[in-house]
Amino acid sequence: MAMVEEIQEELKDKDVDQLDDYINKKFDDLNQGFINYSNTTREYVRSLAPKRSDYLSEEDFKKAKEEYQNFIAWVTGVIQKLSEWLKDLFEKILSFFKSLWNWIKAQVQNVAKKYTLYLNINCLLNFSPIYNKAFIIY
């Protein structure tokens, strides 16, 4: 996993459209990864379905089918819980990103305010007649 500093270095010369393409690709990669894991799991679950040809008697096949139905019920329950968990997780991630963005903006504004204050004080001190008189007196 790339460190934040490496990503910042990679992004520093990109314009807004390039940043948009970059984040779209990252989310596309996330989506594709999730789809791949989901498809692999789905195919595994489907591969466990009993096949009539694997059983000698109708009774054995029926029993295997009931076990598979129970398994599917459990899998469905897990999928529903996973969906709820993912929804909550992504809501928390979105909230975190909103908070992070607001924090970054506040920090930038704070730096800008301090710099502006610094410039104003320097201008006042360097160009103020009162400052010049005070400097001469002391």
C-alpha atoms as a PDB file:
ATOM      1  CA  MET A   1       0.000   0.000   0.000  1.00  0.00           C
ATOM      2  CA  ALA A   2       1.395   3.336  -1.023  1.00  0.00           C
ATOM      3  CA  MET A   3       2.169   5.842   1.675  1.00  0.00           C
ATOM      4  CA  VAL A   4       0.332   9.159   1.695  1.00  0.00           C
ATOM      5  CA  GLU A   5       3.569  11.027   0.982  1.00  0.00           C
ATOM      6  CA  GLU A   6       4.176   8.923  -2.156  1.00  0.00           C
ATOM      7  CA  ILE A   7       0.635   9.580  -3.365  1.00  0.00           C
ATOM      8  CA  GLN A   8       0.983  13.304  -2.653  1.00  0.00           C
ATOM      9  CA  GLU A   9       4.172  13.349  -4.720  1.00  0.00           C
ATOM     10  CA  GLU A  10       2.416  11.506  -7.551  1.00  0.00           C
ATOM     11  CA  LEU A  11      -0.515  13.951  -7.491  1.00  0.00           C
ATOM     12  CA  LYS A  12       1.319  17.254  -7.037  1.00  0.00           C
ATOM     13  CA  ASP A  13       1.482  18.266 -10.714  1.00  0.00           C
ATOM     14  CA  LYS A  14      -1.964  17.025 -11.756  1.00  0.00           C
ATOM     15  CA  ASP A  15      -4.779  19.380 -12.716  1.00  0.00           C
ATOM     16  CA  VAL A  16      -8.361  18.960 -11.461  1.00  0.00           C
ATOM     17  CA  ASP A  17      -9.405  16.767 -14.407  1.00  0.00           C
ATOM     18  CA  GLN A  18      -6.419  14.481 -13.881  1.00  0.00           C
ATOM     19  CA  LEU A  19      -7.230  14.269 -10.163  1.00  0.00           C
ATOM     20  CA  ASP A  20     -10.805  13.364 -11.082  1.00  0.00           C
ATOM     21  CA  ASP A  21      -9.546  10.604 -13.399  1.00  0.00           C
ATOM     22  CA  TYR A  22      -7.181   9.386 -10.671  1.00  0.00           C
ATOM     23  CA  ILE A  23      -9.877   9.084  -7.996  1.00  0.00           C
ATOM     24  CA  ASN A  24     -12.313   7.515 -10.463  1.00  0.00           C
ATOM     25  CA  LYS A  25      -9.708   4.849 -11.257  1.00  0.00           C
ATOM     26  CA  LYS A  26      -9.118   4.171  -7.560  1.00  0.00           C
ATOM     27  CA  PHE A  27     -12.847   3.707  -6.936  1.00  0.00           C
ATOM     28  CA  ASP A  28     -13.178   1.604 -10.109  1.00  0.00           C
ATOM     29  CA  ASP A  29     -10.362  -0.614  -8.794  1.00  0.00           C
ATOM     30  CA  LEU A  30     -12.159  -0.897  -5.444  1.00  0.00           C
ATOM     31  CA  ASN A  31     -15.446  -1.764  -7.156  1.00  0.00           C
ATOM     32  CA  GLN A  32     -13.805  -4.311  -9.449  1.00  0.00           C
ATOM     33  CA  GLY A  33     -11.997  -5.918  -6.515  1.00  0.00           C
ATOM     34  CA  PHE A  34     -15.252  -6.221  -4.604  1.00  0.00           C
ATOM     35  CA  ILE A  35     -17.028  -7.655  -7.664  1.00  0.00           C
ATOM     36  CA  ASN A  36     -14.229 -10.191  -8.167  1.00  0.00           C
ATOM     37  CA  TYR A  37     -14.398 -11.354  -4.531  1.00  0.00           C
ATOM     38  CA  SER A  38     -18.173 -11.485  -4.685  1.00  0.00           C
ATOM     39  CA  ASN A  39     -18.172 -13.473  -7.937  1.00  0.00           C
ATOM     40  CA  THR A  40     -15.595 -15.934  -6.593  1.00  0.00           C
ATOM     41  CA  THR A  41     -17.680 -16.488  -3.464  1.00  0.00           C
ATOM     42  CA  ARG A  42     -20.881 -16.843  -5.480  1.00  0.00           C
ATOM     43  CA  GLU A  43     -19.312 -19.453  -7.766  1.00  0.00           C
ATOM     44  CA  TYR A  44     -18.023 -21.372  -4.746  1.00  0.00           C
ATOM     45  CA  VAL A  45     -21.487 -21.416  -3.154  1.00  0.00           C
ATOM     46  CA  ARG A  46     -23.088 -22.467  -6.437  1.00  0.00           C
ATOM     47  CA  SER A  47     -20.519 -25.241  -6.879  1.00  0.00           C
ATOM     48  CA  LEU A  48     -21.776 -26.825  -3.668  1.00  0.00           C
ATOM     49  CA  ALA A  49     -25.275 -27.362  -5.077  1.00  0.00           C
ATOM     50  CA  PRO A  50     -26.143 -31.042  -5.162  1.00  0.00           C
ATOM     51  CA  LYS A  51     -26.386 -32.657  -8.565  1.00  0.00           C
ATOM     52  CA  ARG A  52     -28.948 -35.372  -9.065  1.00  0.00           C
ATOM     53  CA  SER A  53     -26.403 -37.526 -10.882  1.00  0.00           C
ATOM     54  CA  ASP A  54     -24.205 -37.665  -7.750  1.00  0.00           C
ATOM     55  CA  TYR A  55     -26.841 -39.516  -5.700  1.00  0.00           C
ATOM     56  CA  LEU A  56     -28.049 -43.062  -6.006  1.00  0.00           C
ATOM     57  CA  SER A  57     -31.430 -42.542  -4.413  1.00  0.00           C
ATOM     58  CA  GLU A  58     -34.025 -39.824  -4.582  1.00  0.00           C
ATOM     59  CA  GLU A  59     -34.066 -39.742  -0.787  1.00  0.00           C
ATOM     60  CA  ASP A  60     -30.311 -39.006  -0.571  1.00  0.00           C
ATOM     61  CA  PHE A  61     -30.645 -36.287  -3.204  1.00  0.00           C
ATOM     62  CA  LYS A  62     -33.604 -34.760  -1.362  1.00  0.00           C
ATOM     63  CA  LYS A  63     -31.628 -34.757   1.902  1.00  0.00           C
ATOM     64  CA  ALA A  64     -28.640 -33.111   0.187  1.00  0.00           C
ATOM     65  CA  LYS A  65     -30.961 -30.555  -1.389  1.00  0.00           C
ATOM     66  CA  GLU A  66     -32.453 -29.696   2.027  1.00  0.00           C
ATOM     67  CA  GLU A  67     -28.952 -29.285   3.474  1.00  0.00           C
ATOM     68  CA  TYR A  68     -28.050 -27.031   0.573  1.00  0.00           C
ATOM     69  CA  GLN A  69     -31.249 -25.004   1.107  1.00  0.00           C
ATOM     70  CA  ASN A  70     -30.269 -24.549   4.760  1.00  0.00           C
ATOM     71  CA  PHE A  71     -26.799 -23.526   3.654  1.00  0.00           C
ATOM     72  CA  ILE A  72     -28.272 -21.015   1.181  1.00  0.00           C
ATOM     73  CA  ALA A  73     -30.462 -19.585   3.958  1.00  0.00           C
ATOM     74  CA  TRP A  74     -27.349 -19.067   6.103  1.00  0.00           C
ATOM     75  CA  VAL A  75     -25.400 -17.604   3.179  1.00  0.00           C
ATOM     76  CA  THR A  76     -28.269 -15.226   2.435  1.00  0.00           C
ATOM     77  CA  GLY A  77     -28.332 -14.130   6.080  1.00  0.00           C
ATOM     78  CA  VAL A  78     -24.597 -13.486   5.991  1.00  0.00           C
ATOM     79  CA  ILE A  79     -24.945 -11.533   2.728  1.00  0.00           C
ATOM     80  CA  GLN A  80     -27.689  -9.372   4.245  1.00  0.00           C
ATOM     81  CA  LYS A  81     -25.578  -8.687   7.342  1.00  0.00           C
ATOM     82  CA  LEU A  82     -22.564  -7.998   5.153  1.00  0.00           C
ATOM     83  CA  SER A  83     -24.606  -5.551   3.064  1.00  0.00           C
ATOM     84  CA  GLU A  84     -25.741  -3.728   6.220  1.00  0.00           C
ATOM     85  CA  TRP A  85     -22.191  -3.693   7.561  1.00  0.00           C
ATOM     86  CA  LEU A  86     -20.802  -2.374   4.266  1.00  0.00           C
ATOM     87  CA  LYS A  87     -23.482   0.332   4.117  1.00  0.00           C
ATOM     88  CA  ASP A  88     -22.609   1.441   7.660  1.00  0.00           C
ATOM     89  CA  LEU A  89     -18.907   1.235   6.902  1.00  0.00           C
ATOM     90  CA  PHE A  90     -19.171   3.362   3.775  1.00  0.00           C
ATOM     91  CA  GLU A  91     -21.370   5.902   5.576  1.00  0.00           C
ATOM     92  CA  LYS A  92     -18.648   6.183   8.241  1.00  0.00           C
ATOM     93  CA  ILE A  93     -15.938   6.426   5.586  1.00  0.00           C
ATOM     94  CA  LEU A  94     -17.886   9.174   3.802  1.00  0.00           C
ATOM     95  CA  SER A  95     -18.360  11.011   7.096  1.00  0.00           C
ATOM     96  CA  PHE A  96     -14.637  10.658   7.787  1.00  0.00           C
ATOM     97  CA  PHE A  97     -13.759  12.030   4.333  1.00  0.00           C
ATOM     98  CA  LYS A  98     -16.106  14.986   4.888  1.00  0.00           C
ATOM     99  CA  SER A  99     -14.503  15.690   8.264  1.00  0.00           C
ATOM    100  CA  LEU A 100     -11.015  15.284   6.819  1.00  0.00           C
ATOM    101  CA  TRP A 101     -11.805  17.680   3.963  1.00  0.00           C
ATOM    102  CA  ASN A 102     -13.227  20.264   6.387  1.00  0.00           C
ATOM    103  CA  TRP A 103     -10.184  19.880   8.653  1.00  0.00           C
ATOM    104  CA  ILE A 104      -7.778  20.337   5.716  1.00  0.00           C
ATOM    105  CA  LYS A 105      -9.668  23.434   4.531  1.00  0.00           C
ATOM    106  CA  ALA A 106      -9.625  24.863   8.071  1.00  0.00           C
ATOM    107  CA  GLN A 107      -5.875  24.234   8.377  1.00  0.00           C
ATOM    108  CA  VAL A 108      -5.202  25.922   5.037  1.00  0.00           C
ATOM    109  CA  GLN A 109      -7.388  28.876   6.044  1.00  0.00           C
ATOM    110  CA  ASN A 110      -5.605  29.035   9.396  1.00  0.00           C
ATOM    111  CA  VAL A 111      -2.213  29.137   7.675  1.00  0.00           C
ATOM    112  CA  ALA A 112      -3.482  31.802   5.274  1.00  0.00           C
ATOM    113  CA  LYS A 113      -4.840  33.894   8.166  1.00  0.00           C
ATOM    114  CA  LYS A 114      -1.566  33.610  10.087  1.00  0.00           C
ATOM    115  CA  TYR A 115       0.425  34.556   7.002  1.00  0.00           C
ATOM    116  CA  THR A 116      -1.861  37.514   6.299  1.00  0.00           C
ATOM    117  CA  LEU A 117      -1.577  38.611   9.929  1.00  0.00           C
ATOM    118  CA  TYR A 118       2.199  38.263   9.742  1.00  0.00           C
ATOM    119  CA  LEU A 119       2.305  40.385   6.581  1.00  0.00           C
ATOM    120  CA  ASN A 120       0.001  43.006   8.105  1.00  0.00           C
ATOM    121  CA  ILE A 121       2.080  43.241  11.265  1.00  0.00           C
ATOM    122  CA  ASN A 122       5.292  43.514   9.257  1.00  0.00           C
ATOM    123  CA  CYS A 123       3.785  46.247   7.108  1.00  0.00           C
ATOM    124  CA  LEU A 124       2.602  48.125  10.179  1.00  0.00           C
ATOM    125  CA  LEU A 125       5.919  47.759  11.946  1.00  0.00           C
ATOM    126  CA  ASN A 126       8.029  48.645   8.958  1.00  0.00           C
ATOM    127  CA  PHE A 127       5.997  51.514   7.591  1.00  0.00           C
ATOM    128  CA  SER A 128       4.278  53.008  10.594  1.00  0.00           C
ATOM    129  CA  PRO A 129       5.495  56.449  11.671  1.00  0.00           C
ATOM    130  CA  ILE A 130       4.654  55.500  15.243  1.00  0.00           C
ATOM    131  CA  TYR A 131       6.915  52.465  14.966  1.00  0.00           C
ATOM    132  CA  ASN A 132       9.730  54.601  13.601  1.00  0.00           C
ATOM    133  CA  LYS A 133       9.351  57.138  16.421  1.00  0.00           C
ATOM    134  CA  ALA A 134       9.121  54.378  19.012  1.00  0.00           C
ATOM    135  CA  PHE A 135      12.237  52.761  17.613  1.00  0.00           C
ATOM    136  CA  ILE A 136      14.165  56.033  17.835  1.00  0.00           C
ATOM    137  CA  ILE A 137      13.022  56.708  21.426  1.00  0.00           C
ATOM    138  CA  TYR A 138      14.018  53.280  22.696  1.00  0.00           C
END
